Amino acid sequence: MNERGVKSILNEDIFALESGKYDTLLLLMNGIGLVGTLQRLETFLNHVKKLLAHDGQILLDSSYIMYLYEDIPMPLCNYYGELKYKYE
Protein backbone atom coordinates (compact mmCIF):
# COMPACT_ATOMS: atom_id res chain seq x y z
CA MET A 1 0.00 0.00 0.00
CA ASN A 2 2.85 2.36 0.79
CA GLU A 3 4.30 1.78 -2.67
CA ARG A 4 0.97 2.84 -4.19
CA GLY A 5 0.87 6.08 -2.21
CA VAL A 6 -1.57 5.12 0.54
CA LYS A 7 -0.86 7.50 3.41
CA SER A 8 -3.21 6.10 6.01
CA ILE A 9 -5.95 3.53 6.53
CA LEU A 10 -8.94 3.40 8.82
CA ASN A 11 -10.29 0.07 10.00
CA GLU A 12 -13.74 0.90 11.40
CA ASP A 13 -17.42 0.04 11.11
CA ILE A 14 -18.39 2.17 8.13
CA PHE A 15 -21.80 2.94 9.63
CA ALA A 16 -20.08 4.34 12.74
CA LEU A 17 -18.26 6.98 10.68
CA GLU A 18 -20.16 10.24 10.78
CA SER A 19 -18.00 12.54 8.75
CA GLY A 20 -14.92 12.78 6.64
CA LYS A 21 -13.99 13.37 3.09
CA TYR A 22 -12.26 10.17 2.06
CA ASP A 23 -10.65 9.77 -1.34
CA THR A 24 -11.27 6.01 -1.42
CA LEU A 25 -13.39 3.51 0.45
CA LEU A 26 -11.93 0.04 -0.12
CA LEU A 27 -14.14 -2.94 0.74
CA LEU A 28 -12.41 -6.24 0.07
CA MET A 29 -13.28 -9.91 0.47
CA ASN A 30 -16.95 -9.55 -0.44
CA GLY A 31 -16.93 -6.25 1.41
CA ILE A 32 -20.32 -5.24 0.07
CA GLY A 33 -21.70 -7.94 2.39
CA LEU A 34 -21.55 -5.43 5.24
CA VAL A 35 -24.66 -3.87 3.72
CA GLY A 36 -26.58 -6.88 5.02
CA THR A 37 -29.60 -6.96 2.74
CA LEU A 38 -30.50 -5.77 -0.72
CA GLN A 39 -33.03 -3.39 0.84
CA ARG A 40 -30.26 -1.78 2.89
CA LEU A 41 -28.11 -1.04 -0.18
CA GLU A 42 -29.68 2.38 -0.73
CA THR A 43 -29.04 3.30 2.92
CA PHE A 44 -25.41 2.24 2.52
CA LEU A 45 -24.91 4.24 -0.68
CA ASN A 46 -26.45 7.37 0.84
CA HIS A 47 -24.22 6.98 3.90
CA VAL A 48 -20.96 6.55 1.99
CA LYS A 49 -21.86 9.45 -0.30
CA LYS A 50 -21.54 11.68 2.78
CA LEU A 51 -18.12 10.20 3.56
CA LEU A 52 -16.50 10.60 0.15
CA ALA A 53 -14.60 13.58 -1.17
CA HIS A 54 -16.03 15.26 -4.28
CA ASP A 55 -13.98 13.02 -6.61
CA GLY A 56 -13.94 10.06 -4.19
CA GLN A 57 -14.45 6.45 -5.16
CA ILE A 58 -15.76 3.21 -3.70
CA LEU A 59 -13.78 0.09 -4.59
CA LEU A 60 -15.34 -3.22 -3.65
CA ASP A 61 -15.52 -6.81 -4.68
CA SER A 62 -18.12 -9.45 -4.35
CA SER A 63 -18.49 -13.15 -5.00
CA TYR A 64 -20.81 -15.10 -7.23
CA ILE A 65 -22.42 -17.50 -4.76
CA MET A 66 -24.95 -19.23 -6.98
CA TYR A 67 -22.98 -22.46 -6.47
CA LEU A 68 -24.30 -22.58 -2.90
CA TYR A 69 -27.76 -23.34 -4.27
CA GLU A 70 -26.85 -26.24 -6.52
CA ASP A 71 -28.33 -28.82 -4.14
CA ILE A 72 -30.88 -26.73 -2.23
CA PRO A 73 -33.70 -24.44 -3.32
CA MET A 74 -33.06 -20.75 -3.52
CA PRO A 75 -34.68 -18.67 -0.76
CA LEU A 76 -38.17 -17.44 -1.58
CA CYS A 77 -38.22 -14.27 0.50
CA ASN A 78 -34.62 -13.03 0.19
CA TYR A 79 -32.11 -12.24 -2.49
CA TYR A 80 -29.86 -15.28 -2.81
CA GLY A 81 -26.82 -13.09 -2.17
CA GLU A 82 -27.93 -12.32 1.37
CA LEU A 83 -25.85 -14.38 3.75
CA LYS A 84 -25.42 -14.55 7.48
CA TYR A 85 -21.94 -15.39 8.57
CA LYS A 86 -19.76 -15.18 11.63
CA TYR A 87 -16.00 -15.22 11.98
CA GLU A 88 -14.35 -16.80 14.98
PDB file of N, CA and C in Angstrom:
ATOM      1  N   MET A   1       0.825  -1.189   0.000  1.00  0.00           N
ATOM      2  CA  MET A   1       0.000   0.000   0.000  1.00  0.00           C
ATOM      3  C   MET A   1       0.870   1.254   0.000  1.00  0.00           C
ATOM      4  N   ASN A   2       1.952   1.207   0.768  1.00  0.00           N
ATOM      5  CA  ASN A   2       2.846   2.362   0.792  1.00  0.00           C
ATOM      6  C   ASN A   2       3.411   2.654  -0.593  1.00  0.00           C
ATOM      7  N   GLU A   3       3.748   1.599  -1.332  1.00  0.00           N
ATOM      8  CA  GLU A   3       4.303   1.781  -2.666  1.00  0.00           C
ATOM      9  C   GLU A   3       3.287   2.409  -3.626  1.00  0.00           C
ATOM     10  N   ARG A   4       2.023   2.259  -3.342  1.00  0.00           N
ATOM     11  CA  ARG A   4       0.974   2.838  -4.195  1.00  0.00           C
ATOM     12  C   ARG A   4       0.537   4.215  -3.709  1.00  0.00           C
ATOM     13  N   GLY A   5       1.169   4.721  -2.669  1.00  0.00           N
ATOM     14  CA  GLY A   5       0.868   6.076  -2.205  1.00  0.00           C
ATOM     15  C   GLY A   5      -0.182   6.184  -1.123  1.00  0.00           C
ATOM     16  N   VAL A   6      -0.597   5.058  -0.539  1.00  0.00           N
ATOM     17  CA  VAL A   6      -1.573   5.118   0.543  1.00  0.00           C
ATOM     18  C   VAL A   6      -0.889   5.723   1.766  1.00  0.00           C
ATOM     19  N   LYS A   7      -1.469   6.799   2.276  1.00  0.00           N
ATOM     20  CA  LYS A   7      -0.859   7.495   3.407  1.00  0.00           C
ATOM     21  C   LYS A   7      -1.397   7.021   4.743  1.00  0.00           C
ATOM     22  N   SER A   8      -2.652   6.595   4.756  1.00  0.00           N
ATOM     23  CA  SER A   8      -3.215   6.104   6.010  1.00  0.00           C
ATOM     24  C   SER A   8      -4.424   5.223   5.700  1.00  0.00           C
ATOM     25  N   ILE A   9      -4.759   4.371   6.641  1.00  0.00           N
ATOM     26  CA  ILE A   9      -5.952   3.534   6.525  1.00  0.00           C
ATOM     27  C   ILE A   9      -6.783   3.696   7.793  1.00  0.00           C
ATOM     28  N   LEU A  10      -8.028   3.355   7.683  1.00  0.00           N
ATOM     29  CA  LEU A  10      -8.939   3.399   8.818  1.00  0.00           C
ATOM     30  C   LEU A  10      -9.704   2.091   8.811  1.00  0.00           C
ATOM     31  N   ASN A  11      -9.618   1.356   9.882  1.00  0.00           N
ATOM     32  CA  ASN A  11     -10.288   0.068  10.003  1.00  0.00           C
ATOM     33  C   ASN A  11     -11.413   0.220  11.024  1.00  0.00           C
ATOM     34  N   GLU A  12     -12.601   0.583  10.537  1.00  0.00           N
ATOM     35  CA  GLU A  12     -13.739   0.900  11.400  1.00  0.00           C
ATOM     36  C   GLU A  12     -15.028   0.359  10.797  1.00  0.00           C
ATOM     37  N   ASP A  13     -16.067   0.315  11.607  1.00  0.00           N
ATOM     38  CA  ASP A  13     -17.416   0.036  11.111  1.00  0.00           C
ATOM     39  C   ASP A  13     -17.835   1.238  10.279  1.00  0.00           C
ATOM     40  N   ILE A  14     -18.103   1.049   9.025  1.00  0.00           N
ATOM     41  CA  ILE A  14     -18.394   2.167   8.127  1.00  0.00           C
ATOM     42  C   ILE A  14     -19.635   2.937   8.557  1.00  0.00           C
ATOM     43  N   PHE A  15     -20.587   2.265   9.183  1.00  0.00           N
ATOM     44  CA  PHE A  15     -21.800   2.940   9.626  1.00  0.00           C
ATOM     45  C   PHE A  15     -21.559   3.771  10.885  1.00  0.00           C
ATOM     46  N   ALA A  16     -20.428   3.552  11.555  1.00  0.00           N
ATOM     47  CA  ALA A  16     -20.075   4.343  12.736  1.00  0.00           C
ATOM     48  C   ALA A  16     -19.395   5.656  12.352  1.00  0.00           C
ATOM     49  N   LEU A  17     -18.915   5.751  11.133  1.00  0.00           N
ATOM     50  CA  LEU A  17     -18.263   6.978  10.678  1.00  0.00           C
ATOM     51  C   LEU A  17     -19.323   8.025  10.383  1.00  0.00           C
ATOM     52  N   GLU A  18     -19.150   9.201  10.945  1.00  0.00           N
ATOM     53  CA  GLU A  18     -20.157  10.237  10.779  1.00  0.00           C
ATOM     54  C   GLU A  18     -19.725  11.338   9.832  1.00  0.00           C
ATOM     55  N   SER A  19     -18.445  11.477   9.626  1.00  0.00           N
ATOM     56  CA  SER A  19     -17.995  12.544   8.747  1.00  0.00           C
ATOM     57  C   SER A  19     -16.647  12.171   8.159  1.00  0.00           C
ATOM     58  N   GLY A  20     -16.213  12.994   7.269  1.00  0.00           N
ATOM     59  CA  GLY A  20     -14.924  12.782   6.635  1.00  0.00           C
ATOM     60  C   GLY A  20     -15.070  12.946   5.147  1.00  0.00           C
ATOM     61  N   LYS A  21     -14.006  13.241   4.534  1.00  0.00           N
ATOM     62  CA  LYS A  21     -13.986  13.365   3.088  1.00  0.00           C
ATOM     63  C   LYS A  21     -12.873  12.458   2.580  1.00  0.00           C
ATOM     64  N   TYR A  22     -13.215  11.194   2.447  1.00  0.00           N
ATOM     65  CA  TYR A  22     -12.258  10.174   2.059  1.00  0.00           C
ATOM     66  C   TYR A  22     -12.130  10.099   0.542  1.00  0.00           C
ATOM     67  N   ASP A  23     -10.907   9.924   0.085  1.00  0.00           N
ATOM     68  CA  ASP A  23     -10.654   9.767  -1.344  1.00  0.00           C
ATOM     69  C   ASP A  23     -11.130   8.417  -1.851  1.00  0.00           C
ATOM     70  N   THR A  24     -10.938   7.380  -1.017  1.00  0.00           N
ATOM     71  CA  THR A  24     -11.267   6.013  -1.423  1.00  0.00           C
ATOM     72  C   THR A  24     -11.820   5.241  -0.249  1.00  0.00           C
ATOM     73  N   LEU A  25     -12.891   4.499  -0.498  1.00  0.00           N
ATOM     74  CA  LEU A  25     -13.391   3.506   0.449  1.00  0.00           C
ATOM     75  C   LEU A  25     -13.155   2.156  -0.202  1.00  0.00           C
ATOM     76  N   LEU A  26     -12.328   1.326   0.427  1.00  0.00           N
ATOM     77  CA  LEU A  26     -11.926   0.036  -0.117  1.00  0.00           C
ATOM     78  C   LEU A  26     -12.565  -1.073   0.707  1.00  0.00           C
ATOM     79  N   LEU A  27     -13.427  -1.858   0.076  1.00  0.00           N
ATOM     80  CA  LEU A  27     -14.143  -2.939   0.743  1.00  0.00           C
ATOM     81  C   LEU A  27     -13.772  -4.241   0.049  1.00  0.00           C
ATOM     82  N   LEU A  28     -12.905  -5.007   0.685  1.00  0.00           N
ATOM     83  CA  LEU A  28     -12.405  -6.237   0.075  1.00  0.00           C
ATOM     84  C   LEU A  28     -13.050  -7.480   0.667  1.00  0.00           C
ATOM     85  N   MET A  29     -12.817  -8.592   0.016  1.00  0.00           N
ATOM     86  CA  MET A  29     -13.282  -9.908   0.471  1.00  0.00           C
ATOM     87  C   MET A  29     -14.799  -9.918   0.645  1.00  0.00           C
ATOM     88  N   ASN A  30     -15.488  -9.637  -0.448  1.00  0.00           N
ATOM     89  CA  ASN A  30     -16.945  -9.548  -0.438  1.00  0.00           C
ATOM     90  C   ASN A  30     -17.418  -8.445   0.506  1.00  0.00           C
ATOM     91  N   GLY A  31     -16.675  -7.351   0.504  1.00  0.00           N
ATOM     92  CA  GLY A  31     -16.934  -6.246   1.413  1.00  0.00           C
ATOM     93  C   GLY A  31     -18.316  -5.652   1.322  1.00  0.00           C
ATOM     94  N   ILE A  32     -18.970  -5.776   0.194  1.00  0.00           N
ATOM     95  CA  ILE A  32     -20.319  -5.240   0.074  1.00  0.00           C
ATOM     96  C   ILE A  32     -21.285  -6.004   0.973  1.00  0.00           C
ATOM     97  N   GLY A  33     -20.860  -7.156   1.473  1.00  0.00           N
ATOM     98  CA  GLY A  33     -21.696  -7.939   2.386  1.00  0.00           C
ATOM     99  C   GLY A  33     -22.031  -7.206   3.667  1.00  0.00           C
ATOM    100  N   LEU A  34     -21.248  -6.183   4.020  1.00  0.00           N
ATOM    101  CA  LEU A  34     -21.545  -5.430   5.238  1.00  0.00           C
ATOM    102  C   LEU A  34     -22.857  -4.668   5.127  1.00  0.00           C
ATOM    103  N   VAL A  35     -23.364  -4.516   3.914  1.00  0.00           N
ATOM    104  CA  VAL A  35     -24.656  -3.869   3.717  1.00  0.00           C
ATOM    105  C   VAL A  35     -25.760  -4.694   4.381  1.00  0.00           C
ATOM    106  N   GLY A  36     -25.634  -6.002   4.343  1.00  0.00           N
ATOM    107  CA  GLY A  36     -26.578  -6.879   5.022  1.00  0.00           C
ATOM    108  C   GLY A  36     -27.667  -7.417   4.123  1.00  0.00           C
ATOM    109  N   THR A  37     -28.512  -6.534   3.596  1.00  0.00           N
ATOM    110  CA  THR A  37     -29.604  -6.962   2.739  1.00  0.00           C
ATOM    111  C   THR A  37     -29.672  -6.068   1.515  1.00  0.00           C
ATOM    112  N   LEU A  38     -30.330  -6.550   0.493  1.00  0.00           N
ATOM    113  CA  LEU A  38     -30.497  -5.767  -0.717  1.00  0.00           C
ATOM    114  C   LEU A  38     -31.282  -4.486  -0.425  1.00  0.00           C
ATOM    115  N   GLN A  39     -32.243  -4.559   0.482  1.00  0.00           N
ATOM    116  CA  GLN A  39     -33.032  -3.388   0.835  1.00  0.00           C
ATOM    117  C   GLN A  39     -32.183  -2.317   1.526  1.00  0.00           C
ATOM    118  N   ARG A  40     -31.116  -2.724   2.170  1.00  0.00           N
ATOM    119  CA  ARG A  40     -30.257  -1.775   2.893  1.00  0.00           C
ATOM    120  C   ARG A  40     -29.202  -1.142   1.985  1.00  0.00           C
ATOM    121  N   LEU A  41     -29.107  -1.567   0.744  1.00  0.00           N
ATOM    122  CA  LEU A  41     -28.107  -1.040  -0.178  1.00  0.00           C
ATOM    123  C   LEU A  41     -28.254   0.467  -0.373  1.00  0.00           C
ATOM    124  N   GLU A  42     -29.473   0.943  -0.539  1.00  0.00           N
ATOM    125  CA  GLU A  42     -29.678   2.382  -0.734  1.00  0.00           C
ATOM    126  C   GLU A  42     -29.217   3.171   0.491  1.00  0.00           C
ATOM    127  N   THR A  43     -29.502   2.664   1.687  1.00  0.00           N
ATOM    128  CA  THR A  43     -29.039   3.304   2.920  1.00  0.00           C
ATOM    129  C   THR A  43     -27.518   3.382   2.938  1.00  0.00           C
ATOM    130  N   PHE A  44     -26.875   2.288   2.570  1.00  0.00           N
ATOM    131  CA  PHE A  44     -25.409   2.243   2.523  1.00  0.00           C
ATOM    132  C   PHE A  44     -24.867   3.279   1.541  1.00  0.00           C
ATOM    133  N   LEU A  45     -25.405   3.306   0.333  1.00  0.00           N
ATOM    134  CA  LEU A  45     -24.909   4.236  -0.685  1.00  0.00           C
ATOM    135  C   LEU A  45     -25.105   5.688  -0.268  1.00  0.00           C
ATOM    136  N   ASN A  46     -26.225   6.006   0.347  1.00  0.00           N
ATOM    137  CA  ASN A  46     -26.447   7.367   0.839  1.00  0.00           C
ATOM    138  C   ASN A  46     -25.467   7.713   1.948  1.00  0.00           C
ATOM    139  N   HIS A  47     -25.162   6.743   2.799  1.00  0.00           N
ATOM    140  CA  HIS A  47     -24.219   6.981   3.898  1.00  0.00           C
ATOM    141  C   HIS A  47     -22.809   7.232   3.366  1.00  0.00           C
ATOM    142  N   VAL A  48     -22.340   6.379   2.477  1.00  0.00           N
ATOM    143  CA  VAL A  48     -20.960   6.553   1.993  1.00  0.00           C
ATOM    144  C   VAL A  48     -20.828   7.791   1.113  1.00  0.00           C
ATOM    145  N   LYS A  49     -21.904   8.214   0.495  1.00  0.00           N
ATOM    146  CA  LYS A  49     -21.858   9.446  -0.298  1.00  0.00           C
ATOM    147  C   LYS A  49     -21.453  10.624   0.581  1.00  0.00           C
ATOM    148  N   LYS A  50     -21.902  10.620   1.839  1.00  0.00           N
ATOM    149  CA  LYS A  50     -21.541  11.684   2.776  1.00  0.00           C
ATOM    150  C   LYS A  50     -20.087  11.584   3.230  1.00  0.00           C
ATOM    151  N   LEU A  51     -19.493  10.407   3.091  1.00  0.00           N
ATOM    152  CA  LEU A  51     -18.120  10.201   3.557  1.00  0.00           C
ATOM    153  C   LEU A  51     -17.075  10.487   2.492  1.00  0.00           C
ATOM    154  N   LEU A  52     -17.463  10.464   1.240  1.00  0.00           N
ATOM    155  CA  LEU A  52     -16.501  10.595   0.148  1.00  0.00           C
ATOM    156  C   LEU A  52     -16.218  12.050  -0.212  1.00  0.00           C
ATOM    157  N   ALA A  53     -14.971  12.295  -0.601  1.00  0.00           N
ATOM    158  CA  ALA A  53     -14.597  13.582  -1.168  1.00  0.00           C
ATOM    159  C   ALA A  53     -15.334  13.756  -2.499  1.00  0.00           C
ATOM    160  N   HIS A  54     -15.304  14.951  -3.036  1.00  0.00           N
ATOM    161  CA  HIS A  54     -16.025  15.258  -4.285  1.00  0.00           C
ATOM    162  C   HIS A  54     -15.670  14.266  -5.399  1.00  0.00           C
ATOM    163  N   ASP A  55     -14.411  13.955  -5.574  1.00  0.00           N
ATOM    164  CA  ASP A  55     -13.976  13.016  -6.609  1.00  0.00           C
ATOM    165  C   ASP A  55     -13.657  11.645  -6.023  1.00  0.00           C
ATOM    166  N   GLY A  56     -14.238  11.323  -4.861  1.00  0.00           N
ATOM    167  CA  GLY A  56     -13.941  10.062  -4.189  1.00  0.00           C
ATOM    168  C   GLY A  56     -14.499   8.858  -4.930  1.00  0.00           C
ATOM    169  N   GLN A  57     -14.025   7.691  -4.511  1.00  0.00           N
ATOM    170  CA  GLN A  57     -14.445   6.452  -5.163  1.00  0.00           C
ATOM    171  C   GLN A  57     -14.666   5.348  -4.133  1.00  0.00           C
ATOM    172  N   ILE A  58     -15.538   4.424  -4.486  1.00  0.00           N
ATOM    173  CA  ILE A  58     -15.759   3.211  -3.701  1.00  0.00           C
ATOM    174  C   ILE A  58     -15.209   2.059  -4.527  1.00  0.00           C
ATOM    175  N   LEU A  59     -14.305   1.289  -3.943  1.00  0.00           N
ATOM    176  CA  LEU A  59     -13.779   0.090  -4.593  1.00  0.00           C
ATOM    177  C   LEU A  59     -14.217  -1.092  -3.752  1.00  0.00           C
ATOM    178  N   LEU A  60     -14.876  -2.051  -4.386  1.00  0.00           N
ATOM    179  CA  LEU A  60     -15.336  -3.220  -3.646  1.00  0.00           C
ATOM    180  C   LEU A  60     -15.330  -4.434  -4.549  1.00  0.00           C
ATOM    181  N   ASP A  61     -15.376  -5.581  -3.920  1.00  0.00           N
ATOM    182  CA  ASP A  61     -15.518  -6.809  -4.683  1.00  0.00           C
ATOM    183  C   ASP A  61     -16.634  -7.625  -4.070  1.00  0.00           C
ATOM    184  N   SER A  62     -17.050  -8.589  -4.802  1.00  0.00           N
ATOM    185  CA  SER A  62     -18.118  -9.453  -4.352  1.00  0.00           C
ATOM    186  C   SER A  62     -17.857 -10.837  -4.920  1.00  0.00           C
ATOM    187  N   SER A  63     -18.651 -11.780  -4.526  1.00  0.00           N
ATOM    188  CA  SER A  63     -18.490 -13.149  -5.004  1.00  0.00           C
ATOM    189  C   SER A  63     -19.790 -13.649  -5.616  1.00  0.00           C
ATOM    190  N   TYR A  64     -19.653 -14.452  -6.633  1.00  0.00           N
ATOM    191  CA  TYR A  64     -20.809 -15.100  -7.229  1.00  0.00           C
ATOM    192  C   TYR A  64     -21.076 -16.367  -6.419  1.00  0.00           C
ATOM    193  N   ILE A  65     -22.173 -16.390  -5.693  1.00  0.00           N
ATOM    194  CA  ILE A  65     -22.415 -17.497  -4.760  1.00  0.00           C
ATOM    195  C   ILE A  65     -23.518 -18.444  -5.217  1.00  0.00           C
ATOM    196  N   MET A  66     -23.880 -18.377  -6.469  1.00  0.00           N
ATOM    197  CA  MET A  66     -24.946 -19.235  -6.975  1.00  0.00           C
ATOM    198  C   MET A  66     -24.642 -20.716  -6.734  1.00  0.00           C
ATOM    199  N   TYR A  67     -23.359 -21.067  -6.689  1.00  0.00           N
ATOM    200  CA  TYR A  67     -22.980 -22.462  -6.473  1.00  0.00           C
ATOM    201  C   TYR A  67     -23.495 -22.999  -5.139  1.00  0.00           C
ATOM    202  N   LEU A  68     -23.789 -22.127  -4.195  1.00  0.00           N
ATOM    203  CA  LEU A  68     -24.302 -22.575  -2.899  1.00  0.00           C
ATOM    204  C   LEU A  68     -25.687 -23.194  -3.026  1.00  0.00           C
ATOM    205  N   TYR A  69     -26.388 -22.874  -4.100  1.00  0.00           N
ATOM    206  CA  TYR A  69     -27.757 -23.338  -4.272  1.00  0.00           C
ATOM    207  C   TYR A  69     -27.874 -24.444  -5.300  1.00  0.00           C
ATOM    208  N   GLU A  70     -26.792 -25.147  -5.565  1.00  0.00           N
ATOM    209  CA  GLU A  70     -26.850 -26.245  -6.522  1.00  0.00           C
ATOM    210  C   GLU A  70     -27.704 -27.401  -6.010  1.00  0.00           C
ATOM    211  N   ASP A  71     -27.628 -27.667  -4.710  1.00  0.00           N
ATOM    212  CA  ASP A  71     -28.325 -28.815  -4.140  1.00  0.00           C
ATOM    213  C   ASP A  71     -29.512 -28.445  -3.257  1.00  0.00           C
ATOM    214  N   ILE A  72     -29.755 -27.161  -3.068  1.00  0.00           N
ATOM    215  CA  ILE A  72     -30.878 -26.730  -2.226  1.00  0.00           C
ATOM    216  C   ILE A  72     -31.652 -25.643  -2.968  1.00  0.00           C
ATOM    217  N   PRO A  73     -32.918 -25.483  -2.645  1.00  0.00           N
ATOM    218  CA  PRO A  73     -33.704 -24.443  -3.325  1.00  0.00           C
ATOM    219  C   PRO A  73     -33.251 -23.047  -2.906  1.00  0.00           C
ATOM    220  N   MET A  74     -33.372 -22.128  -3.836  1.00  0.00           N
ATOM    221  CA  MET A  74     -33.064 -20.746  -3.519  1.00  0.00           C
ATOM    222  C   MET A  74     -34.099 -20.204  -2.550  1.00  0.00           C
ATOM    223  N   PRO A  75     -33.712 -19.257  -1.698  1.00  0.00           N
ATOM    224  CA  PRO A  75     -34.682 -18.671  -0.763  1.00  0.00           C
ATOM    225  C   PRO A  75     -35.821 -17.975  -1.506  1.00  0.00           C
ATOM    226  N   LEU A  76     -37.010 -18.060  -0.948  1.00  0.00           N
ATOM    227  CA  LEU A  76     -38.172 -17.444  -1.585  1.00  0.00           C
ATOM    228  C   LEU A  76     -38.337 -15.983  -1.198  1.00  0.00           C
ATOM    229  N   CYS A  77     -37.922 -15.623   0.016  1.00  0.00           N
ATOM    230  CA  CYS A  77     -38.218 -14.273   0.502  1.00  0.00           C
ATOM    231  C   CYS A  77     -36.999 -13.351   0.508  1.00  0.00           C
ATOM    232  N   ASN A  78     -35.823 -13.856   0.164  1.00  0.00           N
ATOM    233  CA  ASN A  78     -34.621 -13.031   0.189  1.00  0.00           C
ATOM    234  C   ASN A  78     -33.874 -13.142  -1.127  1.00  0.00           C
ATOM    235  N   TYR A  79     -33.049 -12.181  -1.375  1.00  0.00           N
ATOM    236  CA  TYR A  79     -32.107 -12.243  -2.488  1.00  0.00           C
ATOM    237  C   TYR A  79     -31.085 -13.324  -2.161  1.00  0.00           C
ATOM    238  N   TYR A  80     -30.741 -14.156  -3.114  1.00  0.00           N
ATOM    239  CA  TYR A  80     -29.856 -15.280  -2.806  1.00  0.00           C
ATOM    240  C   TYR A  80     -28.459 -14.841  -2.382  1.00  0.00           C
ATOM    241  N   GLY A  81     -28.122 -13.584  -2.600  1.00  0.00           N
ATOM    242  CA  GLY A  81     -26.820 -13.092  -2.169  1.00  0.00           C
ATOM    243  C   GLY A  81     -26.776 -12.664  -0.709  1.00  0.00           C
ATOM    244  N   GLU A  82     -27.911 -12.693  -0.038  1.00  0.00           N
ATOM    245  CA  GLU A  82     -27.926 -12.321   1.374  1.00  0.00           C
ATOM    246  C   GLU A  82     -27.462 -13.516   2.195  1.00  0.00           C
ATOM    247  N   LEU A  83     -26.411 -13.320   2.923  1.00  0.00           N
ATOM    248  CA  LEU A  83     -25.848 -14.378   3.750  1.00  0.00           C
ATOM    249  C   LEU A  83     -25.682 -13.904   5.169  1.00  0.00           C
ATOM    250  N   LYS A  84     -25.781 -14.816   6.092  1.00  0.00           N
ATOM    251  CA  LYS A  84     -25.421 -14.545   7.480  1.00  0.00           C
ATOM    252  C   LYS A  84     -24.173 -15.349   7.749  1.00  0.00           C
ATOM    253  N   TYR A  85     -23.166 -14.681   8.268  1.00  0.00           N
ATOM    254  CA  TYR A  85     -21.941 -15.391   8.571  1.00  0.00           C
ATOM    255  C   TYR A  85     -21.295 -14.804   9.802  1.00  0.00           C
ATOM    256  N   LYS A  86     -20.417 -15.576  10.401  1.00  0.00           N
ATOM    257  CA  LYS A  86     -19.759 -15.176  11.634  1.00  0.00           C
ATOM    258  C   LYS A  86     -18.324 -15.690  11.599  1.00  0.00           C
ATOM    259  N   TYR A  87     -17.405 -14.829  11.903  1.00  0.00           N
ATOM    260  CA  TYR A  87     -15.999 -15.220  11.981  1.00  0.00           C
ATOM    261  C   TYR A  87     -15.634 -15.491  13.424  1.00  0.00           C
ATOM    262  N   GLU A  88     -14.857 -16.514  13.642  1.00  0.00           N
ATOM    263  CA  GLU A  88     -14.350 -16.796  14.984  1.00  0.00           C
ATOM    264  C   GLU A  88     -12.852 -16.942  14.928  1.00  0.00           C
TER     265      GLU A  88
END
